[in-house]
């Protein structure tokens, strides 16, 4: 019986509390046009083939002795595949590679943190062996109706000081670059 009286005593108090809280809450505040949205809708000439937005290139094992003699490796080809190209929107594409630059070899990629190897950098070039420095827009490459393939090469190069002092350190390495496509 005491439980029922106690429960009845709390009910009026709870209703009074809820009513007093709702009276203390401020009313709705409304301002006119205080949220604006902007953007830029573009028509791109092509789409990157699914899977090519995150490319991985694995180099073969490499001897530091090879770099002491030759300073760099032969370029290893890789491609970016574009699909659904509409040349009425754009008939060419440029590519810009960006990433952390090697301090001894400007224009080449530095190794990512966690790499055990030292004294090397990663370079990028066209299929015709023309250097593609980081953060520099490539020459336009022609697009085809439908699908197009843009080809590049990557290579490993020894840093001049590491070659001269023969201090290239062996171990696993990794470098990261971001490519940006533009339709001029």
Protein backbone atom coordinates (compact mmCIF):
# COMPACT_ATOMS: atom_id res chain seq x y z
CA UNK A 1 0.00 0.00 0.00
CA UNK A 2 2.84 2.43 0.74
CA UNK A 3 4.15 1.83 -2.73
CA UNK A 4 0.92 3.03 -4.34
CA UNK A 5 0.89 6.21 -2.30
CA UNK A 6 4.51 6.85 -3.20
CA UNK A 7 3.85 6.36 -6.90
CA UNK A 8 0.87 8.69 -6.82
CA UNK A 9 2.99 11.30 -5.05
CA UNK A 10 5.61 11.23 -7.84
CA UNK A 11 3.16 11.51 -10.71
CA UNK A 12 1.94 15.07 -10.01
CA UNK A 13 5.53 16.15 -9.28
CA UNK A 14 6.78 14.69 -12.63
CA UNK A 15 3.99 16.41 -14.59
CA UNK A 16 4.77 19.70 -12.86
CA UNK A 17 8.49 19.33 -13.66
CA UNK A 18 7.85 18.60 -17.36
CA UNK A 19 5.49 21.57 -17.63
CA UNK A 20 7.92 23.93 -15.94
CA UNK A 21 10.81 22.76 -18.18
CA UNK A 22 8.77 23.30 -21.32
CA UNK A 23 7.93 26.83 -20.17
CA UNK A 24 11.61 27.62 -19.57
CA UNK A 25 12.68 26.46 -23.09
CA UNK A 26 13.09 29.31 -25.59
CA UNK A 27 10.71 29.54 -28.53
CA UNK A 28 11.69 28.68 -32.07
CA UNK A 29 14.08 31.14 -33.65
CA UNK A 30 13.96 31.48 -37.39
CA UNK A 31 16.24 33.57 -39.56
CA UNK A 32 15.62 34.10 -43.24
CA UNK A 33 18.10 32.64 -45.73
CA UNK A 34 20.88 31.75 -43.29
CA UNK A 35 22.10 28.60 -45.05
CA UNK A 36 23.47 28.71 -48.59
CA UNK A 37 24.72 25.88 -50.78
CA UNK A 38 27.09 26.35 -53.72
CA UNK A 39 28.94 24.01 -56.02
CA UNK A 40 30.19 23.46 -59.51
CA UNK A 41 28.69 20.79 -61.75
CA UNK A 42 31.12 19.75 -64.47
CA UNK A 43 31.01 17.50 -67.48
CA UNK A 44 34.07 15.26 -67.52
CA UNK A 45 35.15 13.72 -70.77
CA UNK A 46 35.98 10.29 -69.28
CA UNK A 47 35.64 8.18 -66.17
CA UNK A 48 38.50 6.31 -64.52
CA UNK A 49 38.01 2.56 -64.87
CA UNK A 50 37.02 1.03 -61.53
CA UNK A 51 40.18 -0.19 -59.83
CA UNK A 52 42.46 2.35 -61.51
CA UNK A 53 41.69 5.09 -58.99
CA UNK A 54 44.12 3.38 -56.58
CA UNK A 55 46.97 1.85 -58.60
CA UNK A 56 49.77 -0.19 -57.07
CA UNK A 57 53.07 -0.77 -58.82
CA UNK A 58 55.41 -3.38 -57.42
CA UNK A 59 59.06 -3.18 -58.44
CA UNK A 60 61.22 -6.29 -58.80
CA UNK A 61 63.96 -6.86 -56.24
CA UNK A 62 66.82 -4.46 -56.82
CA UNK A 63 70.48 -4.54 -55.84
CA UNK A 64 72.15 -1.43 -54.45
CA UNK A 65 75.19 -2.41 -56.58
CA UNK A 66 73.02 -1.95 -59.70
CA UNK A 67 72.25 1.63 -58.63
CA UNK A 68 75.93 2.37 -57.86
CA UNK A 69 76.76 1.39 -61.45
CA UNK A 70 73.67 2.67 -63.33
CA UNK A 71 72.21 5.33 -60.97
CA UNK A 72 68.63 4.30 -61.88
CA UNK A 73 66.53 1.39 -63.05
CA UNK A 74 64.76 0.98 -66.35
CA UNK A 75 61.23 2.41 -66.15
CA UNK A 76 58.43 0.01 -65.36
CA UNK A 77 55.23 0.71 -67.32
CA UNK A 78 51.84 1.34 -65.74
CA UNK A 79 48.58 2.65 -67.16
CA UNK A 80 45.52 4.62 -66.21
CA UNK A 81 42.47 3.35 -68.09
CA UNK A 82 39.74 5.81 -68.97
CA UNK A 83 36.29 4.64 -70.04
CA UNK A 84 33.28 6.26 -71.67
CA UNK A 85 35.32 9.07 -73.19
CA UNK A 86 33.31 11.72 -75.00
CA UNK A 87 35.67 13.74 -77.20
CA UNK A 88 32.96 16.34 -77.84
CA UNK A 89 33.61 17.46 -74.22
CA UNK A 90 37.42 17.22 -74.42
CA UNK A 91 39.76 15.52 -76.85
CA UNK A 92 42.82 15.39 -74.58
CA UNK A 93 43.82 14.91 -70.96
CA UNK A 94 46.74 16.08 -68.83
CA UNK A 95 48.08 14.36 -65.74
CA UNK A 96 49.73 15.84 -62.67
CA UNK A 97 51.46 13.63 -60.13
CA UNK A 98 51.89 14.99 -56.62
CA UNK A 99 53.44 13.68 -53.44
CA UNK A 100 56.28 14.23 -51.00
CA UNK A 101 59.32 15.35 -52.94
CA UNK A 102 62.79 13.90 -52.35
CA UNK A 103 65.08 16.66 -51.03
CA UNK A 104 68.15 15.45 -52.94
CA UNK A 105 66.29 14.70 -56.16
CA UNK A 106 63.70 17.44 -56.69
CA UNK A 107 60.80 16.30 -58.85
CA UNK A 108 61.08 12.69 -57.65
CA UNK A 109 59.07 11.03 -54.90
CA UNK A 110 60.55 10.59 -51.46
CA UNK A 111 60.11 7.28 -49.70
CA UNK A 112 57.18 7.07 -47.31
CA UNK A 113 57.76 6.88 -43.59
CA UNK A 114 58.20 3.31 -42.46
CA UNK A 115 60.41 2.44 -45.43
CA UNK A 116 63.56 0.59 -44.39
CA UNK A 117 65.50 1.39 -47.56
CA UNK A 118 67.39 4.69 -47.75
CA UNK A 119 69.21 6.68 -50.42
CA UNK A 120 66.69 6.21 -53.25
CA UNK A 121 63.73 8.02 -54.80
CA UNK A 122 60.97 7.14 -57.26
CA UNK A 123 60.80 8.92 -60.60
CA UNK A 124 57.97 9.13 -63.13
CA UNK A 125 58.26 9.49 -66.88
CA UNK A 126 56.31 9.18 -70.10
CA UNK A 127 56.47 6.05 -72.23
CA UNK A 128 58.96 7.95 -74.41
CA UNK A 129 61.28 8.46 -71.37
CA UNK A 130 60.46 12.14 -70.78
CA UNK A 131 60.69 13.05 -67.08
CA UNK A 132 57.38 13.89 -65.34
CA UNK A 133 58.37 15.92 -62.28
CA UNK A 134 56.00 16.08 -59.33
CA UNK A 135 53.46 18.91 -59.39
CA UNK A 136 54.08 19.68 -63.07
CA UNK A 137 51.26 19.26 -65.58
CA UNK A 138 52.07 16.74 -68.31
CA UNK A 139 51.70 17.45 -71.98
CA UNK A 140 48.17 16.75 -73.24
CA UNK A 141 47.52 13.19 -74.37
CA UNK A 142 44.88 12.52 -77.03
CA UNK A 143 41.67 10.77 -76.05
CA UNK A 144 39.75 8.28 -78.16
CA UNK A 145 36.00 7.87 -78.36
CA UNK A 146 35.01 5.24 -75.79
CA UNK A 147 38.07 3.97 -73.94
CA UNK A 148 41.54 5.47 -73.69
CA UNK A 149 44.73 4.35 -71.98
CA UNK A 150 47.30 6.77 -70.60
CA UNK A 151 50.69 5.14 -70.15
CA UNK A 152 53.56 6.09 -67.85
CA UNK A 153 56.67 4.56 -66.35
CA UNK A 154 58.13 4.62 -62.86
CA UNK A 155 61.74 3.95 -61.88
CA UNK A 156 64.02 3.85 -58.86
CA UNK A 157 66.94 6.28 -58.76
CA UNK A 158 69.77 6.47 -56.28
CA UNK A 159 70.40 9.77 -54.53
CA UNK A 160 73.71 11.30 -55.77
CA UNK A 161 75.25 11.52 -52.29
CA UNK A 162 74.23 7.94 -51.43
CA UNK A 163 75.76 6.71 -54.69
CA UNK A 164 79.00 8.66 -54.20
CA UNK A 165 79.38 7.49 -50.58
CA UNK A 166 77.92 4.03 -51.31
CA UNK A 167 75.43 4.39 -48.45
CA UNK A 168 72.25 3.10 -50.10
CA UNK A 169 70.52 0.99 -47.46
CA UNK A 170 68.68 -2.17 -48.47
CA UNK A 171 65.17 -2.93 -47.27
CA UNK A 172 61.54 -2.59 -48.19
CA UNK A 173 60.35 0.77 -49.40
CA UNK A 174 57.15 2.51 -50.34
CA UNK A 175 56.27 5.83 -51.95
CA UNK A 176 52.87 7.40 -52.48
CA UNK A 177 51.70 9.74 -55.21
CA UNK A 178 48.34 11.16 -56.19
CA UNK A 179 47.48 11.69 -59.83
CA UNK A 180 45.08 14.35 -61.04
CA UNK A 181 43.53 14.30 -64.49
CA UNK A 182 42.42 17.50 -66.22
CA UNK A 183 40.65 17.98 -69.51
CA UNK A 184 42.01 21.17 -71.09
